[in-house]
Amino acid sequence: MWGAASDRGRRRKLNEDAYLAENGVFLVADGMGGHDAGDIASATALGALSFLLEAETIEPELVDVLVDVAQKEVRAIETGPKGRSAGTTLTGAVLAYVDGVPYWLLVNVGDSRTYLLSNGELEQMSVDHSEVQELVDAGVLTAEEARHHPRRNVITRALGGPDDPDADFRYVPVEAHERILVCSDGLTAELDDEQIREILLAFPDPGTAAQELVASALEAGGRDNVTVLVVDVTGVPHDTDGATAERDCDMVPGGRRLMEDTQPRNGG
């Protein structure tokens, strides 16, 4: 089961966010470039990845290849006379299989986020590719200070830039009764993790939860486009107990590491 909600926000004239939610593919893209190409960039990236909807079985290598395709197609977008380049973030979870075992394959470029709610605890599974996150990692800023820093919107990786974006990939086991949240930074700029957790716990229906998260972000200021996907795991096709403890990190073509959880979780 899943639900989605998206809004242009209170200050933007255009919604440059886009999402893909179908057949085990849950992705959000936050376009950059304003009226020149931001909405085109996000739609183009997800268009390249829409091939995943037709694949009978998704392997990690396929996602990696399609992210490269998305990078090239976004980079090729022709922008307006101002010369601003188009770009987009990308984050989300794809139901993939490794040796026949189902995993969430998490992918991330930029500062949109993917979270996991398990046993009442909310964990950010993606890592922001941003200047303020680098300052947090260096111990210069706290996470709360980073939320209000004047350069909080400056990202260090995006699809469409002159360099390959070096996407992060991570796979975690699919566990029943867990909830995945995929969102653009229009949500996390307005609500902190505890506020998000409380809303996710308060609304069992994923569609209602998504709508409430967007409504709360708008009420808190709505300074940016905001897009939310809420995905509930209601069934697990194979037993994954202990699977992660037995596996090492794998590599996909191009040498990108698939970071894997080392501790199995027991879904509530």
C-alpha atoms as a PDB file:
ATOM      1  CA  MET A   1       0.000   0.000   0.000  1.00  0.00           C
ATOM      2  CA  TRP A   2       1.196   3.500  -0.751  1.00  0.00           C
ATOM      3  CA  GLY A   3       0.037   7.085  -0.829  1.00  0.00           C
ATOM      4  CA  ALA A   4       1.325  10.262  -2.434  1.00  0.00           C
ATOM      5  CA  ALA A   5       0.830  14.006  -2.120  1.00  0.00           C
ATOM      6  CA  SER A   6       2.521  16.963  -3.818  1.00  0.00           C
ATOM      7  CA  ASP A   7       2.065  20.730  -3.727  1.00  0.00           C
ATOM      8  CA  ARG A   8       3.872  23.695  -5.275  1.00  0.00           C
ATOM      9  CA  GLY A   9       4.012  25.394  -1.869  1.00  0.00           C
ATOM     10  CA  ARG A  10       3.013  28.891  -0.816  1.00  0.00           C
ATOM     11  CA  ARG A  11       5.819  30.803  -2.526  1.00  0.00           C
ATOM     12  CA  ARG A  12       6.547  28.968  -5.771  1.00  0.00           C
ATOM     13  CA  LYS A  13       4.587  29.470  -8.982  1.00  0.00           C
ATOM     14  CA  LEU A  14       5.601  26.111 -10.416  1.00  0.00           C
ATOM     15  CA  ASN A  15       5.908  22.622  -8.957  1.00  0.00           C
ATOM     16  CA  GLU A  16       9.277  21.310 -10.095  1.00  0.00           C
ATOM     17  CA  ASP A  17       8.931  18.082  -8.091  1.00  0.00           C
ATOM     18  CA  ALA A  18       7.925  14.805  -9.701  1.00  0.00           C
ATOM     19  CA  TYR A  19       7.397  11.292  -8.412  1.00  0.00           C
ATOM     20  CA  LEU A  20       7.115   7.732  -9.662  1.00  0.00           C
ATOM     21  CA  ALA A  21       5.100   5.264  -7.596  1.00  0.00           C
ATOM     22  CA  GLU A  22       4.095   1.939  -9.087  1.00  0.00           C
ATOM     23  CA  ASN A  23       5.077  -1.744  -9.195  1.00  0.00           C
ATOM     24  CA  GLY A  24       7.586  -1.545  -6.345  1.00  0.00           C
ATOM     25  CA  VAL A  25       9.243   1.635  -7.630  1.00  0.00           C
ATOM     26  CA  PHE A  26       8.991   4.693  -5.369  1.00  0.00           C
ATOM     27  CA  LEU A  27      11.081   7.676  -6.448  1.00  0.00           C
ATOM     28  CA  VAL A  28      10.975  11.460  -5.938  1.00  0.00           C
ATOM     29  CA  ALA A  29      12.881  14.009  -8.023  1.00  0.00           C
ATOM     30  CA  ASP A  30      13.219  17.698  -7.125  1.00  0.00           C
ATOM     31  CA  GLY A  31      14.054  19.722 -10.232  1.00  0.00           C
ATOM     32  CA  MET A  32      16.329  22.754 -10.314  1.00  0.00           C
ATOM     33  CA  GLY A  33      16.530  25.491 -12.881  1.00  0.00           C
ATOM     34  CA  GLY A  34      13.325  27.400 -12.312  1.00  0.00           C
ATOM     35  CA  HIS A  35      11.053  28.031 -15.267  1.00  0.00           C
ATOM     36  CA  ASP A  36      13.928  27.253 -17.611  1.00  0.00           C
ATOM     37  CA  ALA A  37      13.988  23.538 -16.958  1.00  0.00           C
ATOM     38  CA  GLY A  38      13.458  22.431 -13.345  1.00  0.00           C
ATOM     39  CA  ASP A  39      10.171  20.642 -13.962  1.00  0.00           C
ATOM     40  CA  ILE A  40      11.521  19.190 -17.207  1.00  0.00           C
ATOM     41  CA  ALA A  41      14.614  17.880 -15.423  1.00  0.00           C
ATOM     42  CA  SER A  42      12.672  16.010 -12.740  1.00  0.00           C
ATOM     43  CA  ALA A  43      10.250  14.544 -15.286  1.00  0.00           C
ATOM     44  CA  THR A  44      13.112  13.555 -17.587  1.00  0.00           C
ATOM     45  CA  ALA A  45      14.990  11.746 -14.830  1.00  0.00           C
ATOM     46  CA  LEU A  46      11.943   9.762 -13.784  1.00  0.00           C
ATOM     47  CA  GLY A  47      11.130   9.063 -17.421  1.00  0.00           C
ATOM     48  CA  ALA A  48      14.499   7.394 -17.825  1.00  0.00           C
ATOM     49  CA  LEU A  49      13.874   5.309 -14.700  1.00  0.00           C
ATOM     50  CA  SER A  50      10.323   4.372 -15.702  1.00  0.00           C
ATOM     51  CA  PHE A  51      11.781   1.359 -17.534  1.00  0.00           C
ATOM     52  CA  LEU A  52      11.900  -0.232 -14.080  1.00  0.00           C
ATOM     53  CA  LEU A  53       8.112  -0.510 -14.198  1.00  0.00           C
ATOM     54  CA  GLU A  54       8.352  -2.940 -17.103  1.00  0.00           C
ATOM     55  CA  ALA A  55      11.127  -5.136 -15.703  1.00  0.00           C
ATOM     56  CA  GLU A  56       9.971  -8.533 -14.474  1.00  0.00           C
ATOM     57  CA  THR A  57      12.752  -8.697 -11.892  1.00  0.00           C
ATOM     58  CA  ILE A  58      14.813  -5.665 -10.874  1.00  0.00           C
ATOM     59  CA  GLU A  59      18.486  -6.278 -10.295  1.00  0.00           C
ATOM     60  CA  PRO A  60      20.744  -3.634  -8.686  1.00  0.00           C
ATOM     61  CA  GLU A  61      22.802  -3.353 -11.869  1.00  0.00           C
ATOM     62  CA  LEU A  62      19.727  -2.237 -13.826  1.00  0.00           C
ATOM     63  CA  VAL A  63      19.051   0.658 -11.470  1.00  0.00           C
ATOM     64  CA  ASP A  64      22.668   1.769 -11.719  1.00  0.00           C
ATOM     65  CA  VAL A  65      22.549   1.775 -15.512  1.00  0.00           C
ATOM     66  CA  LEU A  66      19.288   3.738 -15.596  1.00  0.00           C
ATOM     67  CA  VAL A  67      20.636   6.384 -13.211  1.00  0.00           C
ATOM     68  CA  ASP A  68      23.479   6.898 -15.687  1.00  0.00           C
ATOM     69  CA  VAL A  69      20.923   7.228 -18.496  1.00  0.00           C
ATOM     70  CA  ALA A  70      18.975   9.767 -16.437  1.00  0.00           C
ATOM     71  CA  GLN A  71      22.161  11.773 -15.855  1.00  0.00           C
ATOM     72  CA  LYS A  72      22.871  11.991 -19.583  1.00  0.00           C
ATOM     73  CA  GLU A  73      19.299  12.881 -20.534  1.00  0.00           C
ATOM     74  CA  VAL A  74      18.998  15.634 -17.910  1.00  0.00           C
ATOM     75  CA  ARG A  75      22.388  17.033 -18.902  1.00  0.00           C
ATOM     76  CA  ALA A  76      21.194  17.248 -22.515  1.00  0.00           C
ATOM     77  CA  ILE A  77      18.175  19.451 -21.683  1.00  0.00           C
ATOM     78  CA  GLU A  78      18.305  22.779 -23.494  1.00  0.00           C
ATOM     79  CA  THR A  79      17.679  25.653 -21.092  1.00  0.00           C
ATOM     80  CA  GLY A  80      16.546  29.196 -21.714  1.00  0.00           C
ATOM     81  CA  PRO A  81      18.601  32.231 -22.711  1.00  0.00           C
ATOM     82  CA  LYS A  82      19.807  32.845 -19.167  1.00  0.00           C
ATOM     83  CA  GLY A  83      22.063  29.831 -19.562  1.00  0.00           C
ATOM     84  CA  ARG A  84      21.164  28.145 -16.294  1.00  0.00           C
ATOM     85  CA  SER A  85      21.728  24.414 -16.455  1.00  0.00           C
ATOM     86  CA  ALA A  86      18.954  22.000 -15.595  1.00  0.00           C
ATOM     87  CA  GLY A  87      19.334  19.562 -12.743  1.00  0.00           C
ATOM     88  CA  THR A  88      17.408  17.410 -10.333  1.00  0.00           C
ATOM     89  CA  THR A  89      17.802  15.428  -7.170  1.00  0.00           C
ATOM     90  CA  LEU A  90      16.696  11.803  -7.048  1.00  0.00           C
ATOM     91  CA  THR A  91      15.858   9.634  -4.076  1.00  0.00           C
ATOM     92  CA  GLY A  92      13.743   6.621  -3.273  1.00  0.00           C
ATOM     93  CA  ALA A  93      13.359   2.892  -2.843  1.00  0.00           C
ATOM     94  CA  VAL A  94      13.049   0.186  -5.463  1.00  0.00           C
ATOM     95  CA  LEU A  95      12.043  -3.396  -4.739  1.00  0.00           C
ATOM     96  CA  ALA A  96      14.981  -5.363  -6.099  1.00  0.00           C
ATOM     97  CA  TYR A  97      16.277  -8.911  -5.831  1.00  0.00           C
ATOM     98  CA  VAL A  98      19.715 -10.140  -4.863  1.00  0.00           C
ATOM     99  CA  ASP A  99      20.160 -13.911  -5.345  1.00  0.00           C
ATOM    100  CA  GLY A 100      16.368 -14.203  -5.339  1.00  0.00           C
ATOM    101  CA  VAL A 101      15.947 -12.379  -2.013  1.00  0.00           C
ATOM    102  CA  PRO A 102      13.874  -9.153  -1.980  1.00  0.00           C
ATOM    103  CA  TYR A 103      15.532  -5.965  -0.786  1.00  0.00           C
ATOM    104  CA  TRP A 104      14.756  -2.297  -0.856  1.00  0.00           C
ATOM    105  CA  LEU A 105      17.411  -0.835  -3.104  1.00  0.00           C
ATOM    106  CA  LEU A 106      17.779   2.774  -1.970  1.00  0.00           C
ATOM    107  CA  VAL A 107      19.161   5.342  -4.391  1.00  0.00           C
ATOM    108  CA  ASN A 108      20.047   8.949  -3.640  1.00  0.00           C
ATOM    109  CA  VAL A 109      21.543  11.965  -5.395  1.00  0.00           C
ATOM    110  CA  GLY A 110      21.145  15.379  -3.761  1.00  0.00           C
ATOM    111  CA  ASP A 111      19.236  16.410  -0.645  1.00  0.00           C
ATOM    112  CA  SER A 112      15.824  14.823  -1.109  1.00  0.00           C
ATOM    113  CA  ARG A 113      15.452  12.068   1.459  1.00  0.00           C
ATOM    114  CA  THR A 114      14.369   8.490   2.073  1.00  0.00           C
ATOM    115  CA  TYR A 115      13.372   7.421   5.585  1.00  0.00           C
ATOM    116  CA  LEU A 116      12.424   4.148   7.237  1.00  0.00           C
ATOM    117  CA  LEU A 117       9.882   3.906  10.058  1.00  0.00           C
ATOM    118  CA  SER A 118      10.328   0.659  11.982  1.00  0.00           C
ATOM    119  CA  ASN A 119       9.032  -0.242  15.441  1.00  0.00           C
ATOM    120  CA  GLY A 120       8.044   3.378  15.989  1.00  0.00           C
ATOM    121  CA  GLU A 121      11.518   4.754  15.223  1.00  0.00           C
ATOM    122  CA  LEU A 122      12.244   6.958  12.210  1.00  0.00           C
ATOM    123  CA  GLU A 123      15.653   6.654  10.548  1.00  0.00           C
ATOM    124  CA  GLN A 124      17.000   8.679   7.656  1.00  0.00           C
ATOM    125  CA  MET A 125      18.352   6.083   5.238  1.00  0.00           C
ATOM    126  CA  SER A 126      19.780   8.485   2.653  1.00  0.00           C
ATOM    127  CA  VAL A 127      22.637  10.916   3.191  1.00  0.00           C
ATOM    128  CA  ASP A 128      22.209  14.530   2.058  1.00  0.00           C
ATOM    129  CA  HIS A 129      24.640  15.629  -0.620  1.00  0.00           C
ATOM    130  CA  SER A 130      24.847  19.222   0.543  1.00  0.00           C
ATOM    131  CA  GLU A 131      27.303  21.776   1.885  1.00  0.00           C
ATOM    132  CA  VAL A 132      25.651  21.874   5.298  1.00  0.00           C
ATOM    133  CA  GLN A 133      25.758  18.080   5.611  1.00  0.00           C
ATOM    134  CA  GLU A 134      29.494  18.207   5.013  1.00  0.00           C
ATOM    135  CA  LEU A 135      29.740  20.769   7.830  1.00  0.00           C
ATOM    136  CA  VAL A 136      27.672  18.496  10.081  1.00  0.00           C
ATOM    137  CA  ASP A 137      29.940  15.559   9.256  1.00  0.00           C
ATOM    138  CA  ALA A 138      32.965  17.717  10.098  1.00  0.00           C
ATOM    139  CA  GLY A 139      31.478  18.665  13.458  1.00  0.00           C
ATOM    140  CA  VAL A 140      31.159  22.343  12.540  1.00  0.00           C
ATOM    141  CA  LEU A 141      27.339  22.403  12.657  1.00  0.00           C
ATOM    142  CA  THR A 142      24.709  20.458  14.541  1.00  0.00           C
ATOM    143  CA  ALA A 143      21.852  18.904  12.605  1.00  0.00           C
ATOM    144  CA  GLU A 144      19.475  21.534  13.977  1.00  0.00           C
ATOM    145  CA  GLU A 145      21.808  24.381  13.015  1.00  0.00           C
ATOM    146  CA  ALA A 146      22.055  22.937   9.523  1.00  0.00           C
ATOM    147  CA  ARG A 147      18.274  23.179   9.103  1.00  0.00           C
ATOM    148  CA  HIS A 148      18.461  26.974   9.422  1.00  0.00           C
ATOM    149  CA  HIS A 149      21.845  27.650   7.804  1.00  0.00           C
ATOM    150  CA  PRO A 150      21.754  30.207   4.929  1.00  0.00           C
ATOM    151  CA  ARG A 151      23.438  27.694   2.585  1.00  0.00           C
ATOM    152  CA  ARG A 152      21.186  24.783   3.496  1.00  0.00           C
ATOM    153  CA  ASN A 153      19.875  24.587  -0.096  1.00  0.00           C
ATOM    154  CA  VAL A 154      23.289  24.289  -1.747  1.00  0.00           C
ATOM    155  CA  ILE A 155      23.718  20.714  -2.916  1.00  0.00           C
ATOM    156  CA  THR A 156      26.949  19.036  -3.949  1.00  0.00           C
ATOM    157  CA  ARG A 157      25.541  16.345  -6.247  1.00  0.00           C
ATOM    158  CA  ALA A 158      22.693  16.354  -8.761  1.00  0.00           C
ATOM    159  CA  LEU A 159      21.622  14.679 -11.965  1.00  0.00           C
ATOM    160  CA  GLY A 160      22.400  16.916 -14.916  1.00  0.00           C
ATOM    161  CA  GLY A 161      25.638  18.453 -13.686  1.00  0.00           C
ATOM    162  CA  PRO A 162      28.872  18.450 -15.688  1.00  0.00           C
ATOM    163  CA  ASP A 163      30.283  15.581 -13.642  1.00  0.00           C
ATOM    164  CA  ASP A 164      28.847  12.135 -13.025  1.00  0.00           C
ATOM    165  CA  PRO A 165      26.683  12.438  -9.905  1.00  0.00           C
ATOM    166  CA  ASP A 166      28.128   9.421  -8.044  1.00  0.00           C
ATOM    167  CA  ALA A 167      24.778   8.218  -6.734  1.00  0.00           C
ATOM    168  CA  ASP A 168      24.582   6.475  -3.374  1.00  0.00           C
ATOM    169  CA  PHE A 169      23.137   2.965  -3.398  1.00  0.00           C
ATOM    170  CA  ARG A 170      22.162   1.002  -0.332  1.00  0.00           C
ATOM    171  CA  TYR A 171      20.077  -2.097   0.083  1.00  0.00           C
ATOM    172  CA  VAL A 172      18.151  -3.182   3.147  1.00  0.00           C
ATOM    173  CA  PRO A 173      15.915  -6.211   3.688  1.00  0.00           C
ATOM    174  CA  VAL A 174      12.195  -5.946   3.127  1.00  0.00           C
ATOM    175  CA  GLU A 175      10.440  -6.384   6.462  1.00  0.00           C
ATOM    176  CA  ALA A 176       6.689  -6.570   7.028  1.00  0.00           C
ATOM    177  CA  HIS A 177       4.930  -3.720   8.856  1.00  0.00           C
ATOM    178  CA  GLU A 178       7.610  -1.168   8.066  1.00  0.00           C
ATOM    179  CA  ARG A 179       6.940   2.176   6.405  1.00  0.00           C
ATOM    180  CA  ILE A 180       9.082   3.935   3.809  1.00  0.00           C
ATOM    181  CA  LEU A 181       8.950   7.724   3.417  1.00  0.00           C
ATOM    182  CA  VAL A 182      10.363   9.358   0.283  1.00  0.00           C
ATOM    183  CA  CYS A 183      10.250  13.159   0.128  1.00  0.00           C
ATOM    184  CA  SER A 184      11.650  16.320  -1.402  1.00  0.00           C
ATOM    185  CA  ASP A 185      13.381  18.841   0.820  1.00  0.00           C
ATOM    186  CA  GLY A 186      10.239  20.956   0.863  1.00  0.00           C
ATOM    187  CA  LEU A 187       9.076  18.651   3.651  1.00  0.00           C
ATOM    188  CA  THR A 188      12.269  18.441   5.700  1.00  0.00           C
ATOM    189  CA  ALA A 189      12.922  22.189   5.453  1.00  0.00           C
ATOM    190  CA  GLU A 190       9.657  22.801   7.330  1.00  0.00           C
ATOM    191  CA  LEU A 191       9.341  19.798   9.648  1.00  0.00           C
ATOM    192  CA  ASP A 192      11.984  18.121  11.782  1.00  0.00           C
ATOM    193  CA  ASP A 193      12.308  14.352  12.059  1.00  0.00           C
ATOM    194  CA  GLU A 194      10.286  14.140  15.262  1.00  0.00           C
ATOM    195  CA  GLN A 195       7.359  16.016  13.737  1.00  0.00           C
ATOM    196  CA  ILE A 196       7.501  13.740  10.714  1.00  0.00           C
ATOM    197  CA  ARG A 197       7.613  10.625  12.915  1.00  0.00           C
ATOM    198  CA  GLU A 198       4.580  11.732  14.922  1.00  0.00           C
ATOM    199  CA  ILE A 199       2.515  12.258  11.791  1.00  0.00           C
ATOM    200  CA  LEU A 200       3.544   8.917  10.303  1.00  0.00           C
ATOM    201  CA  LEU A 201       2.530   7.170  13.530  1.00  0.00           C
ATOM    202  CA  ALA A 202      -0.729   9.085  13.870  1.00  0.00           C
ATOM    203  CA  PHE A 203      -2.141   8.158  10.446  1.00  0.00           C
ATOM    204  CA  PRO A 204      -2.148   4.440   9.576  1.00  0.00           C
ATOM    205  CA  ASP A 205      -3.436   4.981   6.041  1.00  0.00           C
ATOM    206  CA  PRO A 206      -0.460   5.891   3.793  1.00  0.00           C
ATOM    207  CA  GLY A 207      -2.490   8.234   1.601  1.00  0.00           C
ATOM    208  CA  THR A 208      -3.783  10.162   4.583  1.00  0.00           C
ATOM    209  CA  ALA A 209      -0.295  10.273   6.117  1.00  0.00           C
ATOM    210  CA  ALA A 210       1.135  11.725   2.894  1.00  0.00           C
ATOM    211  CA  GLN A 211      -1.575  14.383   2.737  1.00  0.00           C
ATOM    212  CA  GLU A 212      -1.082  15.320   6.387  1.00  0.00           C
ATOM    213  CA  LEU A 213       2.675  15.667   5.954  1.00  0.00           C
ATOM    214  CA  VAL A 214       2.246  18.014   2.996  1.00  0.00           C
ATOM    215  CA  ALA A 215      -0.459  19.999   4.798  1.00  0.00           C
ATOM    216  CA  SER A 216       1.778  20.382   7.851  1.00  0.00           C
ATOM    217  CA  ALA A 217       4.695  21.558   5.692  1.00  0.00           C
ATOM    218  CA  LEU A 218       2.445  24.168   4.089  1.00  0.00           C
ATOM    219  CA  GLU A 219       1.177  25.307   7.463  1.00  0.00           C
ATOM    220  CA  ALA A 220       4.772  25.641   8.692  1.00  0.00           C
ATOM    221  CA  GLY A 221       5.645  27.984   5.837  1.00  0.00           C
ATOM    222  CA  GLY A 222       5.534  26.055   2.570  1.00  0.00           C
ATOM    223  CA  ARG A 223       8.549  27.885   1.193  1.00  0.00           C
ATOM    224  CA  ASP A 224       9.282  25.249  -1.448  1.00  0.00           C
ATOM    225  CA  ASN A 225       7.593  22.564  -3.497  1.00  0.00           C
ATOM    226  CA  VAL A 226       6.821  19.587  -1.284  1.00  0.00           C
ATOM    227  CA  THR A 227       6.305  15.993  -2.398  1.00  0.00           C
ATOM    228  CA  VAL A 228       5.771  12.933  -0.213  1.00  0.00           C
ATOM    229  CA  LEU A 229       5.451   9.197  -0.853  1.00  0.00           C
ATOM    230  CA  VAL A 230       4.459   6.912   2.027  1.00  0.00           C
ATOM    231  CA  VAL A 231       4.854   3.178   1.404  1.00  0.00           C
ATOM    232  CA  ASP A 232       3.656   0.446   3.751  1.00  0.00           C
ATOM    233  CA  VAL A 233       5.093  -3.062   3.569  1.00  0.00           C
ATOM    234  CA  THR A 234       2.078  -5.350   3.931  1.00  0.00           C
ATOM    235  CA  GLY A 235       3.585  -8.606   2.748  1.00  0.00           C
ATOM    236  CA  VAL A 236       7.022 -10.121   2.222  1.00  0.00           C
ATOM    237  CA  PRO A 237       7.280 -12.675  -0.610  1.00  0.00           C
ATOM    238  CA  HIS A 238      10.277 -14.481   0.877  1.00  0.00           C
ATOM    239  CA  ASP A 239      11.665 -14.981   4.370  1.00  0.00           C
ATOM    240  CA  THR A 240      14.607 -12.601   4.774  1.00  0.00           C
ATOM    241  CA  ASP A 241      15.433 -13.370   8.407  1.00  0.00           C
ATOM    242  CA  GLY A 242      19.181 -13.308   8.853  1.00  0.00           C
ATOM    243  CA  ALA A 243      19.808 -12.604   5.182  1.00  0.00           C
ATOM    244  CA  THR A 244      21.707  -9.397   5.811  1.00  0.00           C
ATOM    245  CA  ALA A 245      23.967 -10.928   8.421  1.00  0.00           C
ATOM    246  CA  GLU A 246      25.187 -13.469   5.858  1.00  0.00           C
ATOM    247  CA  ARG A 247      25.913 -11.035   3.023  1.00  0.00           C
ATOM    248  CA  ASP A 248      28.815  -8.689   2.369  1.00  0.00           C
ATOM    249  CA  CYS A 249      28.665  -5.409   0.466  1.00  0.00           C
ATOM    250  CA  ASP A 250      28.325  -6.027  -3.267  1.00  0.00           C
ATOM    251  CA  MET A 251      29.548  -3.863  -6.108  1.00  0.00           C
ATOM    252  CA  VAL A 252      27.602  -2.773  -9.146  1.00  0.00           C
ATOM    253  CA  PRO A 253      29.152  -1.959 -12.543  1.00  0.00           C
ATOM    254  CA  GLY A 254      31.278   1.170 -12.379  1.00  0.00           C
ATOM    255  CA  GLY A 255      32.595   0.396  -8.913  1.00  0.00           C
ATOM    256  CA  ARG A 256      29.783   1.963  -6.882  1.00  0.00           C
ATOM    257  CA  ARG A 257      29.281   0.295  -3.571  1.00  0.00           C
ATOM    258  CA  LEU A 258      25.916  -0.994  -2.493  1.00  0.00           C
ATOM    259  CA  MET A 259      25.882  -0.252   1.225  1.00  0.00           C
ATOM    260  CA  GLU A 260      24.008  -2.904   3.139  1.00  0.00           C
ATOM    261  CA  ASP A 261      22.606  -2.946   6.646  1.00  0.00           C
ATOM    262  CA  THR A 262      24.653  -5.220   8.872  1.00  0.00           C
ATOM    263  CA  GLN A 263      21.967  -5.840  11.460  1.00  0.00           C
ATOM    264  CA  PRO A 264      18.665  -7.535  10.555  1.00  0.00           C
ATOM    265  CA  ARG A 265      15.527  -5.865  11.865  1.00  0.00           C
ATOM    266  CA  ASN A 266      12.373  -7.508  13.094  1.00  0.00           C
ATOM    267  CA  GLY A 267       9.403  -5.633  11.711  1.00  0.00           C
ATOM    268  CA  GLY A 268       6.673  -4.927  14.260  1.00  0.00           C
END
